[in-house]
Amino acid sequence: MDVVVAGAHGKVGRRLTRLLRARGDRVRGLIRKEAETQDVLADGAEPIVCDLESATVEDVVGAVTGADAVVFAAGAGPGSGAARKLTMDRDGAIRLLRAAEQTGVPRYVMVSSVGAENPPAGDDVFAVYLQAKAEADAVLMASALAWTIVRPGRLTDEPGTGRVRVDTEPHRGEVPRNDVAAVLDAVLHTERTVARILYVNSGDLPILDALGVALK
């Protein structure tokens, strides 16, 4: 599989890249800065400097042409203000979607967040973040792409356990980034996850078993 990972220098994106490469998949990693190139190369991806926050759809088209799937694992990140939640977490995700549509990339996996199913009103940063995620998710769901939306709980840097809870209904909790990356890897290679919103937190089941329970 040829996968484009947006946010390839992020904490989830780097972990996902290494898992995909271990499978033998090709990975193109979208990054914001030239300085991130060496890290992405070390993970086994082909780095492409393409800042989804400022790029045009036409800029992104060249980065995704010929791919089998794109993964949006990018984001404005902690410490960013409400405005960047909209320009990156919403608009960047939609820009990637439009490029995928234009080039015939069939598959799009979105890293969203629990809470995006019912984002709060208001203009504080976290409320705007969830609003941005909800809007990007809605545009993706309205598209003709084979989409999956993954909504994890609070992310941690604890070691992954390989055991999670996956559900199609919201539930709150926390989950190591390692396990989120492993779920994304499994989702990309599991056809039954298409057109599903999956909530992910730490749990008791191995990832493939947890997916099987959620997709019954």
N, C-alpha and C. Protein backbone atom coordinates (compact mmCIF):
# COMPACT_ATOMS: atom_id res chain seq x y z
N MET A 1 0.84 -1.19 0.00
CA MET A 1 0.00 0.00 0.00
C MET A 1 0.88 1.25 0.00
N ASP A 2 0.46 2.26 -0.71
CA ASP A 2 1.16 3.54 -0.78
C ASP A 2 0.35 4.54 0.05
N VAL A 3 0.91 4.96 1.18
CA VAL A 3 0.16 5.79 2.14
C VAL A 3 0.85 7.13 2.32
N VAL A 4 0.07 8.20 2.26
CA VAL A 4 0.55 9.53 2.58
C VAL A 4 0.12 9.86 4.00
N VAL A 5 1.07 10.16 4.86
CA VAL A 5 0.78 10.51 6.25
C VAL A 5 1.00 12.00 6.43
N ALA A 6 -0.06 12.74 6.66
CA ALA A 6 0.03 14.16 6.98
C ALA A 6 0.29 14.29 8.47
N GLY A 7 1.32 15.06 8.80
CA GLY A 7 1.75 15.12 10.20
C GLY A 7 2.76 14.03 10.51
N ALA A 8 3.60 13.73 9.52
CA ALA A 8 4.52 12.60 9.66
C ALA A 8 5.62 12.85 10.69
N HIS A 9 5.79 14.10 11.11
CA HIS A 9 6.78 14.37 12.16
C HIS A 9 6.13 14.47 13.53
N GLY A 10 4.82 14.28 13.60
CA GLY A 10 4.14 14.32 14.88
C GLY A 10 4.29 13.02 15.65
N LYS A 11 3.82 13.04 16.88
CA LYS A 11 4.02 11.88 17.75
C LYS A 11 3.26 10.65 17.28
N VAL A 12 2.06 10.82 16.76
CA VAL A 12 1.32 9.68 16.21
C VAL A 12 1.82 9.35 14.82
N GLY A 13 2.07 10.37 14.00
CA GLY A 13 2.51 10.15 12.63
C GLY A 13 3.81 9.37 12.53
N ARG A 14 4.77 9.69 13.39
CA ARG A 14 6.05 8.97 13.35
C ARG A 14 5.87 7.50 13.73
N ARG A 15 5.06 7.27 14.75
CA ARG A 15 4.81 5.89 15.16
C ARG A 15 4.09 5.11 14.05
N LEU A 16 3.11 5.75 13.42
CA LEU A 16 2.38 5.08 12.34
C LEU A 16 3.30 4.78 11.16
N THR A 17 4.15 5.72 10.81
CA THR A 17 5.09 5.49 9.71
C THR A 17 5.92 4.24 9.94
N ARG A 18 6.45 4.10 11.14
CA ARG A 18 7.30 2.93 11.41
C ARG A 18 6.52 1.63 11.32
N LEU A 19 5.28 1.64 11.75
CA LEU A 19 4.45 0.43 11.65
C LEU A 19 4.16 0.09 10.19
N LEU A 20 3.83 1.09 9.40
CA LEU A 20 3.53 0.84 7.99
C LEU A 20 4.76 0.34 7.24
N ARG A 21 5.90 0.93 7.54
CA ARG A 21 7.12 0.49 6.87
C ARG A 21 7.48 -0.94 7.27
N ALA A 22 7.22 -1.30 8.51
CA ALA A 22 7.49 -2.68 8.95
C ALA A 22 6.65 -3.68 8.19
N ARG A 23 5.48 -3.26 7.71
CA ARG A 23 4.62 -4.10 6.87
C ARG A 23 5.12 -4.20 5.44
N GLY A 24 5.97 -3.24 5.06
CA GLY A 24 6.42 -3.16 3.68
C GLY A 24 5.69 -2.14 2.85
N ASP A 25 4.83 -1.33 3.50
CA ASP A 25 4.12 -0.29 2.78
C ASP A 25 5.06 0.87 2.45
N ARG A 26 4.75 1.55 1.36
CA ARG A 26 5.43 2.80 1.05
C ARG A 26 4.76 3.92 1.83
N VAL A 27 5.56 4.82 2.41
CA VAL A 27 5.01 5.96 3.15
C VAL A 27 5.63 7.25 2.63
N ARG A 28 4.76 8.19 2.29
CA ARG A 28 5.19 9.56 1.99
C ARG A 28 4.76 10.41 3.17
N GLY A 29 5.70 11.11 3.77
CA GLY A 29 5.39 11.87 4.97
C GLY A 29 5.33 13.36 4.70
N LEU A 30 4.15 13.96 4.91
CA LEU A 30 4.02 15.39 4.75
C LEU A 30 4.49 16.09 6.02
N ILE A 31 5.40 17.04 5.86
CA ILE A 31 5.98 17.76 6.98
C ILE A 31 5.94 19.26 6.69
N ARG A 32 6.08 20.04 7.74
CA ARG A 32 6.02 21.50 7.58
C ARG A 32 7.35 22.12 7.25
N LYS A 33 8.43 21.52 7.79
CA LYS A 33 9.72 22.19 7.72
C LYS A 33 10.81 21.25 7.20
N GLU A 34 11.73 21.83 6.47
CA GLU A 34 12.88 21.08 5.95
C GLU A 34 13.66 20.44 7.09
N ALA A 35 13.69 21.10 8.25
CA ALA A 35 14.45 20.59 9.39
C ALA A 35 13.93 19.25 9.89
N GLU A 36 12.70 18.88 9.53
CA GLU A 36 12.12 17.62 9.99
C GLU A 36 12.46 16.45 9.07
N THR A 37 13.13 16.74 7.97
CA THR A 37 13.38 15.73 6.94
C THR A 37 14.13 14.52 7.45
N GLN A 38 15.20 14.73 8.19
CA GLN A 38 16.04 13.62 8.61
C GLN A 38 15.32 12.65 9.54
N ASP A 39 14.50 13.18 10.43
CA ASP A 39 13.72 12.31 11.32
C ASP A 39 12.76 11.44 10.52
N VAL A 40 12.11 12.04 9.54
CA VAL A 40 11.14 11.29 8.74
C VAL A 40 11.84 10.24 7.88
N LEU A 41 12.99 10.59 7.34
CA LEU A 41 13.79 9.60 6.61
C LEU A 41 14.19 8.44 7.51
N ALA A 42 14.57 8.76 8.74
CA ALA A 42 14.98 7.71 9.68
C ALA A 42 13.82 6.77 10.00
N ASP A 43 12.60 7.26 9.94
CA ASP A 43 11.42 6.42 10.17
C ASP A 43 11.09 5.55 8.97
N GLY A 44 11.72 5.86 7.82
CA GLY A 44 11.50 5.05 6.62
C GLY A 44 10.57 5.67 5.60
N ALA A 45 10.13 6.91 5.85
CA ALA A 45 9.22 7.57 4.92
C ALA A 45 9.98 8.45 3.95
N GLU A 46 9.29 8.83 2.88
CA GLU A 46 9.81 9.79 1.91
C GLU A 46 9.27 11.16 2.31
N PRO A 47 10.13 12.05 2.81
CA PRO A 47 9.63 13.32 3.31
C PRO A 47 9.23 14.27 2.17
N ILE A 48 8.09 14.94 2.36
CA ILE A 48 7.61 15.95 1.41
C ILE A 48 7.25 17.18 2.23
N VAL A 49 7.95 18.27 1.99
CA VAL A 49 7.65 19.51 2.70
C VAL A 49 6.40 20.11 2.06
N CYS A 50 5.32 20.09 2.81
CA CYS A 50 4.03 20.57 2.33
C CYS A 50 3.20 20.95 3.55
N ASP A 51 3.18 22.22 3.89
CA ASP A 51 2.47 22.70 5.06
C ASP A 51 0.99 22.84 4.72
N LEU A 52 0.18 21.94 5.22
CA LEU A 52 -1.25 21.95 4.88
C LEU A 52 -1.97 23.20 5.37
N GLU A 53 -1.36 23.91 6.28
CA GLU A 53 -1.99 25.12 6.79
C GLU A 53 -1.90 26.27 5.79
N SER A 54 -0.83 26.30 5.00
CA SER A 54 -0.63 27.41 4.07
C SER A 54 -0.64 26.99 2.61
N ALA A 55 -0.58 25.70 2.34
CA ALA A 55 -0.53 25.21 0.96
C ALA A 55 -1.88 25.40 0.27
N THR A 56 -1.85 25.42 -1.04
CA THR A 56 -3.08 25.37 -1.81
C THR A 56 -3.42 23.90 -2.10
N VAL A 57 -4.64 23.65 -2.52
CA VAL A 57 -5.00 22.29 -2.91
C VAL A 57 -4.09 21.81 -4.02
N GLU A 58 -3.74 22.69 -4.94
CA GLU A 58 -2.86 22.32 -6.05
C GLU A 58 -1.48 21.92 -5.55
N ASP A 59 -1.01 22.57 -4.49
CA ASP A 59 0.27 22.18 -3.89
C ASP A 59 0.20 20.75 -3.35
N VAL A 60 -0.92 20.42 -2.73
CA VAL A 60 -1.06 19.12 -2.09
C VAL A 60 -1.26 18.01 -3.13
N VAL A 61 -1.87 18.35 -4.26
CA VAL A 61 -2.12 17.36 -5.31
C VAL A 61 -0.85 16.60 -5.68
N GLY A 62 0.24 17.33 -5.86
CA GLY A 62 1.48 16.68 -6.25
C GLY A 62 2.01 15.72 -5.20
N ALA A 63 1.69 15.98 -3.94
CA ALA A 63 2.18 15.14 -2.86
C ALA A 63 1.41 13.84 -2.72
N VAL A 64 0.15 13.82 -3.16
CA VAL A 64 -0.69 12.64 -2.92
C VAL A 64 -1.00 11.84 -4.18
N THR A 65 -0.63 12.35 -5.34
CA THR A 65 -0.95 11.66 -6.59
C THR A 65 -0.42 10.23 -6.59
N GLY A 66 -1.29 9.29 -6.92
CA GLY A 66 -0.88 7.88 -7.00
C GLY A 66 -0.97 7.11 -5.70
N ALA A 67 -1.32 7.79 -4.60
CA ALA A 67 -1.40 7.10 -3.30
C ALA A 67 -2.65 6.22 -3.24
N ASP A 68 -2.59 5.20 -2.40
CA ASP A 68 -3.75 4.36 -2.12
C ASP A 68 -4.58 4.91 -0.97
N ALA A 69 -3.93 5.68 -0.09
CA ALA A 69 -4.62 6.20 1.09
C ALA A 69 -3.89 7.42 1.62
N VAL A 70 -4.64 8.29 2.27
CA VAL A 70 -4.05 9.39 3.03
C VAL A 70 -4.52 9.28 4.47
N VAL A 71 -3.67 9.70 5.38
CA VAL A 71 -4.01 9.74 6.81
C VAL A 71 -3.77 11.16 7.31
N PHE A 72 -4.79 11.76 7.90
CA PHE A 72 -4.61 13.07 8.51
C PHE A 72 -4.30 12.88 9.98
N ALA A 73 -3.01 12.98 10.30
CA ALA A 73 -2.56 12.87 11.69
C ALA A 73 -1.87 14.16 12.11
N ALA A 74 -2.16 15.23 11.39
CA ALA A 74 -1.57 16.53 11.67
C ALA A 74 -2.46 17.31 12.62
N GLY A 75 -1.97 18.48 13.03
CA GLY A 75 -2.76 19.33 13.90
C GLY A 75 -1.95 20.54 14.30
N ALA A 76 -2.65 21.55 14.78
CA ALA A 76 -1.97 22.77 15.20
C ALA A 76 -1.10 22.54 16.42
N GLY A 77 -1.48 21.56 17.24
CA GLY A 77 -0.65 21.19 18.37
C GLY A 77 -0.94 21.99 19.63
N PRO A 78 -0.44 21.49 20.76
CA PRO A 78 -0.66 22.19 22.04
C PRO A 78 0.00 23.56 22.02
N GLY A 79 -0.64 24.49 22.68
CA GLY A 79 -0.08 25.83 22.75
C GLY A 79 -0.54 26.74 21.63
N SER A 80 -1.20 26.18 20.62
CA SER A 80 -1.69 27.01 19.52
C SER A 80 -3.04 27.60 19.90
N GLY A 81 -3.35 28.74 19.30
CA GLY A 81 -4.59 29.42 19.62
C GLY A 81 -5.77 28.90 18.83
N ALA A 82 -6.93 29.46 19.11
CA ALA A 82 -8.16 29.00 18.47
C ALA A 82 -8.11 29.18 16.95
N ALA A 83 -7.50 30.26 16.49
CA ALA A 83 -7.47 30.52 15.04
C ALA A 83 -6.78 29.39 14.30
N ARG A 84 -5.71 28.87 14.87
CA ARG A 84 -4.97 27.81 14.18
C ARG A 84 -5.69 26.47 14.25
N LYS A 85 -6.57 26.29 15.21
CA LYS A 85 -7.39 25.08 15.21
C LYS A 85 -8.24 25.05 13.94
N LEU A 86 -8.69 26.22 13.51
CA LEU A 86 -9.51 26.29 12.30
C LEU A 86 -8.65 26.17 11.04
N THR A 87 -7.52 26.87 11.01
CA THR A 87 -6.72 26.86 9.78
C THR A 87 -5.97 25.55 9.57
N MET A 88 -5.71 24.82 10.65
CA MET A 88 -4.98 23.56 10.51
C MET A 88 -5.88 22.34 10.69
N ASP A 89 -6.49 22.23 11.86
CA ASP A 89 -7.26 21.02 12.18
C ASP A 89 -8.50 20.89 11.31
N ARG A 90 -9.06 22.01 10.89
CA ARG A 90 -10.21 21.96 9.98
C ARG A 90 -9.77 22.14 8.53
N ASP A 91 -9.20 23.31 8.23
CA ASP A 91 -8.92 23.64 6.83
C ASP A 91 -7.83 22.76 6.24
N GLY A 92 -6.81 22.42 7.04
CA GLY A 92 -5.75 21.54 6.53
C GLY A 92 -6.28 20.17 6.19
N ALA A 93 -7.17 19.65 7.04
CA ALA A 93 -7.76 18.33 6.79
C ALA A 93 -8.61 18.35 5.52
N ILE A 94 -9.37 19.43 5.35
CA ILE A 94 -10.22 19.54 4.16
C ILE A 94 -9.38 19.73 2.91
N ARG A 95 -8.29 20.48 3.01
CA ARG A 95 -7.39 20.67 1.86
C ARG A 95 -6.82 19.32 1.41
N LEU A 96 -6.45 18.48 2.36
CA LEU A 96 -5.96 17.14 2.02
C LEU A 96 -7.05 16.33 1.35
N LEU A 97 -8.26 16.46 1.84
CA LEU A 97 -9.40 15.76 1.24
C LEU A 97 -9.62 16.19 -0.20
N ARG A 98 -9.62 17.49 -0.46
CA ARG A 98 -9.85 17.98 -1.81
C ARG A 98 -8.76 17.50 -2.77
N ALA A 99 -7.53 17.46 -2.30
CA ALA A 99 -6.45 16.95 -3.14
C ALA A 99 -6.63 15.47 -3.44
N ALA A 100 -7.06 14.72 -2.43
CA ALA A 100 -7.32 13.29 -2.64
C ALA A 100 -8.43 13.09 -3.66
N GLU A 101 -9.48 13.89 -3.56
CA GLU A 101 -10.58 13.79 -4.52
C GLU A 101 -10.10 14.08 -5.94
N GLN A 102 -9.29 15.12 -6.08
CA GLN A 102 -8.84 15.52 -7.41
C GLN A 102 -7.94 14.48 -8.07
N THR A 103 -7.19 13.75 -7.26
CA THR A 103 -6.22 12.81 -7.81
C THR A 103 -6.69 11.36 -7.78
N GLY A 104 -7.90 11.13 -7.26
CA GLY A 104 -8.43 9.78 -7.25
C GLY A 104 -7.89 8.89 -6.16
N VAL A 105 -7.36 9.48 -5.08
CA VAL A 105 -6.96 8.66 -3.93
C VAL A 105 -8.23 8.14 -3.28
N PRO A 106 -8.39 6.83 -3.14
CA PRO A 106 -9.70 6.30 -2.71
C PRO A 106 -9.96 6.33 -1.21
N ARG A 107 -8.91 6.39 -0.40
CA ARG A 107 -9.06 6.10 1.04
C ARG A 107 -8.56 7.27 1.87
N TYR A 108 -9.32 7.62 2.92
CA TYR A 108 -8.93 8.72 3.80
C TYR A 108 -9.22 8.28 5.23
N VAL A 109 -8.19 8.30 6.07
CA VAL A 109 -8.35 8.01 7.50
C VAL A 109 -8.06 9.28 8.28
N MET A 110 -9.00 9.69 9.08
CA MET A 110 -8.92 10.93 9.85
C MET A 110 -8.68 10.64 11.32
N VAL A 111 -7.66 11.29 11.89
CA VAL A 111 -7.49 11.26 13.34
C VAL A 111 -8.25 12.45 13.90
N SER A 112 -9.33 12.17 14.60
CA SER A 112 -10.20 13.20 15.15
C SER A 112 -10.07 13.16 16.68
N SER A 113 -11.15 13.36 17.39
CA SER A 113 -11.10 13.36 18.85
C SER A 113 -12.47 13.03 19.41
N VAL A 114 -12.49 12.30 20.51
CA VAL A 114 -13.74 12.16 21.24
C VAL A 114 -14.20 13.56 21.63
N GLY A 115 -15.48 13.80 21.55
CA GLY A 115 -16.02 15.12 21.78
C GLY A 115 -16.43 15.82 20.51
N ALA A 116 -15.86 15.37 19.37
CA ALA A 116 -16.22 15.98 18.09
C ALA A 116 -17.63 15.60 17.68
N GLU A 117 -18.19 14.54 18.32
CA GLU A 117 -19.56 14.15 17.98
C GLU A 117 -20.57 15.17 18.49
N ASN A 118 -20.18 15.97 19.49
CA ASN A 118 -21.09 16.97 20.05
C ASN A 118 -20.26 18.11 20.62
N PRO A 119 -19.63 18.88 19.75
CA PRO A 119 -18.69 19.90 20.24
C PRO A 119 -19.41 20.99 21.01
N PRO A 120 -18.77 21.49 22.05
CA PRO A 120 -19.40 22.55 22.84
C PRO A 120 -19.43 23.88 22.09
N ALA A 121 -20.37 24.73 22.46
CA ALA A 121 -20.37 26.09 21.95
C ALA A 121 -19.27 26.89 22.64
N GLY A 122 -19.00 28.04 22.13
CA GLY A 122 -18.02 28.90 22.77
C GLY A 122 -16.80 29.13 21.91
N ASP A 123 -15.93 30.04 22.37
CA ASP A 123 -14.76 30.38 21.59
C ASP A 123 -13.45 30.13 22.33
N ASP A 124 -13.51 29.36 23.44
CA ASP A 124 -12.26 28.98 24.07
C ASP A 124 -11.54 27.96 23.18
N VAL A 125 -10.26 27.80 23.40
CA VAL A 125 -9.43 27.03 22.47
C VAL A 125 -9.91 25.59 22.32
N PHE A 126 -10.24 24.94 23.42
CA PHE A 126 -10.63 23.53 23.31
C PHE A 126 -11.98 23.38 22.61
N ALA A 127 -12.90 24.30 22.88
CA ALA A 127 -14.19 24.25 22.19
C ALA A 127 -14.00 24.43 20.70
N VAL A 128 -13.17 25.39 20.31
CA VAL A 128 -12.93 25.63 18.88
C VAL A 128 -12.22 24.43 18.25
N TYR A 129 -11.32 23.80 18.99
CA TYR A 129 -10.65 22.60 18.50
C TYR A 129 -11.67 21.51 18.16
N LEU A 130 -12.60 21.25 19.07
CA LEU A 130 -13.60 20.22 18.81
C LEU A 130 -14.56 20.64 17.70
N GLN A 131 -14.87 21.91 17.62
CA GLN A 131 -15.69 22.40 16.51
C GLN A 131 -14.98 22.19 15.18
N ALA A 132 -13.67 22.49 15.15
CA ALA A 132 -12.89 22.31 13.93
C ALA A 132 -12.85 20.85 13.52
N LYS A 133 -12.65 19.96 14.49
CA LYS A 133 -12.63 18.53 14.20
C LYS A 133 -13.99 18.07 13.66
N ALA A 134 -15.05 18.55 14.30
CA ALA A 134 -16.39 18.16 13.88
C ALA A 134 -16.67 18.60 12.45
N GLU A 135 -16.26 19.82 12.11
CA GLU A 135 -16.51 20.32 10.76
C GLU A 135 -15.71 19.54 9.72
N ALA A 136 -14.45 19.26 10.02
CA ALA A 136 -13.64 18.48 9.08
C ALA A 136 -14.21 17.08 8.92
N ASP A 137 -14.63 16.47 10.02
CA ASP A 137 -15.23 15.13 9.95
C ASP A 137 -16.48 15.14 9.07
N ALA A 138 -17.30 16.17 9.23
CA ALA A 138 -18.55 16.24 8.46
C ALA A 138 -18.29 16.36 6.97
N VAL A 139 -17.28 17.15 6.60
CA VAL A 139 -16.95 17.28 5.18
C VAL A 139 -16.45 15.95 4.64
N LEU A 140 -15.64 15.26 5.41
CA LEU A 140 -15.14 13.96 4.97
C LEU A 140 -16.28 12.96 4.79
N MET A 141 -17.20 12.91 5.76
CA MET A 141 -18.31 11.97 5.68
C MET A 141 -19.23 12.25 4.50
N ALA A 142 -19.27 13.50 4.07
CA ALA A 142 -20.12 13.88 2.93
C ALA A 142 -19.44 13.59 1.59
N SER A 143 -18.17 13.20 1.63
CA SER A 143 -17.44 12.94 0.40
C SER A 143 -17.71 11.53 -0.11
N ALA A 144 -17.20 11.25 -1.30
CA ALA A 144 -17.35 9.92 -1.89
C ALA A 144 -16.18 9.01 -1.57
N LEU A 145 -15.23 9.47 -0.77
CA LEU A 145 -14.07 8.66 -0.43
C LEU A 145 -14.44 7.54 0.55
N ALA A 146 -13.61 6.53 0.57
CA ALA A 146 -13.75 5.44 1.55
C ALA A 146 -13.10 5.93 2.85
N TRP A 147 -13.90 6.49 3.73
CA TRP A 147 -13.37 7.17 4.90
C TRP A 147 -13.51 6.33 6.17
N THR A 148 -12.61 6.60 7.10
CA THR A 148 -12.74 6.14 8.48
C THR A 148 -12.31 7.28 9.38
N ILE A 149 -13.06 7.52 10.44
CA ILE A 149 -12.71 8.54 11.42
C ILE A 149 -12.39 7.85 12.74
N VAL A 150 -11.21 8.11 13.26
CA VAL A 150 -10.77 7.53 14.53
C VAL A 150 -10.76 8.64 15.57
N ARG A 151 -11.51 8.44 16.65
CA ARG A 151 -11.63 9.45 17.70
C ARG A 151 -11.10 8.90 19.02
N PRO A 152 -9.82 9.11 19.29
CA PRO A 152 -9.26 8.63 20.55
C PRO A 152 -9.62 9.56 21.70
N GLY A 153 -9.43 9.03 22.91
CA GLY A 153 -9.55 9.86 24.10
C GLY A 153 -8.25 10.62 24.33
N ARG A 154 -7.97 10.93 25.57
CA ARG A 154 -6.76 11.70 25.89
C ARG A 154 -5.52 10.88 25.55
N LEU A 155 -4.62 11.48 24.79
CA LEU A 155 -3.42 10.79 24.34
C LEU A 155 -2.32 10.88 25.39
N THR A 156 -1.60 9.78 25.57
CA THR A 156 -0.48 9.76 26.51
C THR A 156 0.76 9.20 25.81
N ASP A 157 1.89 9.41 26.45
CA ASP A 157 3.15 8.86 25.94
C ASP A 157 3.57 7.61 26.70
N GLU A 158 2.63 7.02 27.42
CA GLU A 158 2.92 5.75 28.10
C GLU A 158 3.22 4.66 27.05
N PRO A 159 3.96 3.62 27.42
CA PRO A 159 4.21 2.53 26.48
C PRO A 159 2.88 1.92 26.01
N GLY A 160 2.82 1.56 24.75
CA GLY A 160 1.62 0.91 24.25
C GLY A 160 1.47 -0.49 24.83
N THR A 161 0.24 -0.92 24.96
CA THR A 161 -0.01 -2.27 25.48
C THR A 161 -0.51 -3.21 24.39
N GLY A 162 -0.94 -2.63 23.26
CA GLY A 162 -1.53 -3.46 22.21
C GLY A 162 -2.94 -3.90 22.54
N ARG A 163 -3.48 -3.36 23.62
CA ARG A 163 -4.85 -3.73 24.03
C ARG A 163 -5.68 -2.46 24.16
N VAL A 164 -6.83 -2.47 23.52
CA VAL A 164 -7.65 -1.26 23.45
C VAL A 164 -9.12 -1.59 23.59
N ARG A 165 -9.90 -0.56 23.75
CA ARG A 165 -11.35 -0.64 23.61
C ARG A 165 -11.72 0.18 22.38
N VAL A 166 -12.38 -0.43 21.44
CA VAL A 166 -12.86 0.27 20.24
C VAL A 166 -14.38 0.15 20.22
N ASP A 167 -15.05 1.27 19.97
CA ASP A 167 -16.51 1.27 19.96
C ASP A 167 -16.99 2.24 18.91
N THR A 168 -18.21 2.05 18.45
CA THR A 168 -18.82 3.00 17.53
C THR A 168 -19.62 4.07 18.28
N GLU A 169 -19.70 3.95 19.58
CA GLU A 169 -20.35 4.95 20.42
C GLU A 169 -19.29 5.67 21.27
N PRO A 170 -19.50 6.95 21.56
CA PRO A 170 -18.50 7.70 22.32
C PRO A 170 -18.22 7.09 23.70
N HIS A 171 -16.98 7.06 24.06
CA HIS A 171 -16.60 6.75 25.44
C HIS A 171 -15.30 7.48 25.74
N ARG A 172 -15.15 7.89 26.96
CA ARG A 172 -13.99 8.70 27.33
C ARG A 172 -12.98 7.86 28.10
N GLY A 173 -11.74 8.30 28.02
CA GLY A 173 -10.66 7.60 28.68
C GLY A 173 -9.34 8.16 28.18
N GLU A 174 -8.32 7.35 28.22
CA GLU A 174 -7.03 7.75 27.68
C GLU A 174 -6.41 6.56 26.97
N VAL A 175 -5.42 6.85 26.13
CA VAL A 175 -4.82 5.80 25.32
C VAL A 175 -3.42 6.23 24.89
N PRO A 176 -2.44 5.33 24.97
CA PRO A 176 -1.10 5.69 24.52
C PRO A 176 -1.07 5.97 23.01
N ARG A 177 -0.24 6.90 22.62
CA ARG A 177 -0.09 7.19 21.20
C ARG A 177 0.37 5.97 20.41
N ASN A 178 1.18 5.13 21.03
CA ASN A 178 1.61 3.90 20.35
C ASN A 178 0.41 3.06 19.94
N ASP A 179 -0.57 2.96 20.82
CA ASP A 179 -1.74 2.14 20.51
C ASP A 179 -2.64 2.81 19.48
N VAL A 180 -2.72 4.14 19.50
CA VAL A 180 -3.48 4.84 18.47
C VAL A 180 -2.86 4.58 17.10
N ALA A 181 -1.54 4.68 17.03
CA ALA A 181 -0.86 4.41 15.75
C ALA A 181 -1.13 2.98 15.28
N ALA A 182 -1.13 2.04 16.21
CA ALA A 182 -1.38 0.65 15.83
C ALA A 182 -2.82 0.46 15.36
N VAL A 183 -3.76 1.18 15.96
CA VAL A 183 -5.15 1.12 15.49
C VAL A 183 -5.24 1.70 14.08
N LEU A 184 -4.58 2.82 13.82
CA LEU A 184 -4.60 3.41 12.48
C LEU A 184 -4.02 2.45 11.45
N ASP A 185 -2.94 1.80 11.80
CA ASP A 185 -2.34 0.81 10.91
C ASP A 185 -3.34 -0.30 10.60
N ALA A 186 -4.01 -0.80 11.62
CA ALA A 186 -5.00 -1.86 11.42
C ALA A 186 -6.19 -1.37 10.60
N VAL A 187 -6.64 -0.16 10.87
CA VAL A 187 -7.78 0.41 10.15
C VAL A 187 -7.48 0.51 8.65
N LEU A 188 -6.29 0.95 8.33
CA LEU A 188 -5.92 1.09 6.92
C LEU A 188 -5.97 -0.23 6.17
N HIS A 189 -5.75 -1.31 6.89
CA HIS A 189 -5.67 -2.63 6.26
C HIS A 189 -6.89 -3.49 6.56
N THR A 190 -7.96 -2.86 7.04
CA THR A 190 -9.20 -3.59 7.35
C THR A 190 -10.35 -2.93 6.59
N GLU A 191 -10.81 -3.56 5.55
CA GLU A 191 -11.82 -2.96 4.68
C GLU A 191 -13.13 -2.66 5.42
N ARG A 192 -13.44 -3.44 6.42
CA ARG A 192 -14.71 -3.27 7.12
C ARG A 192 -14.77 -1.99 7.95
N THR A 193 -13.65 -1.29 8.08
CA THR A 193 -13.66 -0.03 8.82
C THR A 193 -14.13 1.15 7.99
N VAL A 194 -14.35 0.94 6.70
CA VAL A 194 -14.80 2.04 5.83
C VAL A 194 -16.18 2.52 6.26
N ALA A 195 -16.35 3.86 6.22
CA ALA A 195 -17.60 4.52 6.59
C ALA A 195 -17.96 4.26 8.05
N ARG A 196 -16.96 4.24 8.91
CA ARG A 196 -17.17 4.04 10.34
C ARG A 196 -16.48 5.14 11.14
N ILE A 197 -17.11 5.53 12.24
CA ILE A 197 -16.48 6.37 13.24
C ILE A 197 -16.14 5.46 14.41
N LEU A 198 -14.87 5.43 14.78
CA LEU A 198 -14.40 4.50 15.80
C LEU A 198 -13.79 5.27 16.97
N TYR A 199 -14.32 5.03 18.17
CA TYR A 199 -13.79 5.63 19.39
C TYR A 199 -12.80 4.66 20.02
N VAL A 200 -11.65 5.19 20.42
CA VAL A 200 -10.55 4.33 20.87
C VAL A 200 -10.00 4.81 22.20
N ASN A 201 -9.91 3.89 23.15
CA ASN A 201 -9.22 4.13 24.41
C ASN A 201 -8.54 2.84 24.84
N SER A 202 -7.77 2.91 25.88
CA SER A 202 -7.15 1.70 26.41
C SER A 202 -8.23 0.71 26.84
N GLY A 203 -7.92 -0.57 26.70
CA GLY A 203 -8.89 -1.59 27.05
C GLY A 203 -8.23 -2.93 27.26
N ASP A 204 -9.02 -3.98 27.11
CA ASP A 204 -8.55 -5.32 27.45
C ASP A 204 -8.28 -6.21 26.24
N LEU A 205 -8.72 -5.80 25.06
CA LEU A 205 -8.64 -6.69 23.90
C LEU A 205 -7.49 -6.32 22.99
N PRO A 206 -6.85 -7.30 22.37
CA PRO A 206 -5.89 -7.01 21.30
C PRO A 206 -6.58 -6.20 20.20
N ILE A 207 -5.82 -5.40 19.50
CA ILE A 207 -6.40 -4.42 18.58
C ILE A 207 -7.32 -5.04 17.55
N LEU A 208 -6.89 -6.10 16.89
CA LEU A 208 -7.74 -6.70 15.86
C LEU A 208 -9.01 -7.30 16.46
N ASP A 209 -8.91 -7.85 17.65
CA ASP A 209 -10.10 -8.37 18.33
C ASP A 209 -11.05 -7.24 18.70
N ALA A 210 -10.48 -6.12 19.18
CA ALA A 210 -11.30 -4.96 19.56
C ALA A 210 -12.02 -4.39 18.33
N LEU A 211 -11.32 -4.34 17.21
CA LEU A 211 -11.96 -3.89 15.98
C LEU A 211 -13.08 -4.83 15.57
N GLY A 212 -12.83 -6.12 15.71
CA GLY A 212 -13.86 -7.11 15.36
C GLY A 212 -15.11 -6.95 16.18
N VAL A 213 -14.97 -6.67 17.46
CA VAL A 213 -16.13 -6.47 18.34
C VAL A 213 -16.90 -5.21 17.90
N ALA A 214 -16.16 -4.13 17.61
CA ALA A 214 -16.80 -2.87 17.25
C ALA A 214 -17.52 -2.95 15.91
N LEU A 215 -17.03 -3.79 15.02
CA LEU A 215 -17.56 -3.84 13.64
C LEU A 215 -18.58 -4.93 13.45
N LYS A 216 -19.00 -5.60 14.51
CA LYS A 216 -19.99 -6.68 14.38
C LYS A 216 -21.30 -6.13 13.82
